Amino acid sequence: METKQRKPVYYGEYLQLNKLLDAQQPESEKEGIRADDEMLFIIIHQSYELWFKQIIHELSIVREVFKKPNIHDNTPDIYNSVHRLKRIGTILEVAVQQMGILETMTPLDFLDFRDLLRPASGFQSIQFKIIEATLGLRYEQRHGKAYYLSQLNEADIALVKKAEQEQSLLVLINQWLERMPYTRNDSYWDNNGGKSFWNIYRDAYAASLSELEQKNLAVFDSLFINSSEYPEGRSFSADAGRNALFIMLYRDLPLLQLPYDLLNTLLELDQMLSMWRHRHIHLVQRTIGKRVGTGGSSGAEYLRGAADSHYVFKELSELTSFLLPRNLLPVLPEQLISDMSFRR
């Protein structure tokens, strides 16, 4: 079979460097104003947008995995998803570190060109909004909803709304957790004198609480015992929450190690996004003080409100309130342990 001859690939053409390196057009140069740090400002923000594009690419692959009706808990699909989510975490670490480069620009350096940028603002980054929506941040959860789309053009508004209408990773993870089989079989949960696993666990959890922590028991009951009292408006269903807690409790069992790694990685993404937002707050405070943003927002005050409210997987992090040390965990039936172990 004849091998098809491909045209040689040239480095600059492959990376389209002519386009990439010609994409920095400082406004100060157009106005004949000297502002030496505007080039840095542009390159940093362009690099952020390139990383955002990569994050969206990774999230799209992970979402396709979790759209499948059945996913075995110890398969390449789960491993690949965890791998890609960890890559996103590493990218976000770089994003936080890049803020340090921008911090080498002093307030006076920024003022040389800041007014030329109006009303452009990082608030208009639709890719970042798409990332938040793809992860699972709902419109009603957003800080400053009235301002949220006000600075975007019609085409970008349509792109963001399209992202919000698709199934988010949060929704897909909830569905995956609901399908977990090991809390559905009565033979595993009702073979202790008629007492279910969750009632046994409740007794052990209650005994572990200090006097000041007793209020946690009422919350535990509403989330894991009394289905009729399950709080409205939560992102995760009662079944998904129980299964997520079970994974955290028995993460040492072989078939739960990857699911636990997945949940833990989601919490790490929330943490890295929070670190990025808070680093941004400090940068804005240091650079423009209490001035309004170039896009008309309240600047650091707006960013602080978003940082405090834009957690996507906070319900997973709250589950740590209900953990017990390993020596106090209920002993699982041997058959269940066998089912969740690697077999030859």
Foldseek 3Di string as FASTA:
>chain_A
DDDDDDDDDDPCVVVVVVCVVVVQDAPCVVVVFDQPCSSVVVVLVVVVLVLLVLLVVLLVLLVVLLVDPDDQLPDVNLVSNLVSLVVNLVSLVVNLVSLVVVLVQALVSCVSCQLVCFPDDPLASLSVLLSLLQQPFALVLAFPSVVNCVLYDPVSVVVSVVSNPDDHPLLSLLSNLLPDPPQPDCVFAQPPVRHGQLVLLLVLLCVPDDPVCNVVSVVSCLQANDVVNPDPPDSHHSSSLVSLLVLVAPVVQQSSVSVVSNLVSLVSVLVSVLSSLVSLLVSQCRNPNQDAHSNRHRTSVSSVVRSVRSRRPVSSVVSVSRYDPNVSRDDTDPVSSVVRHDDD
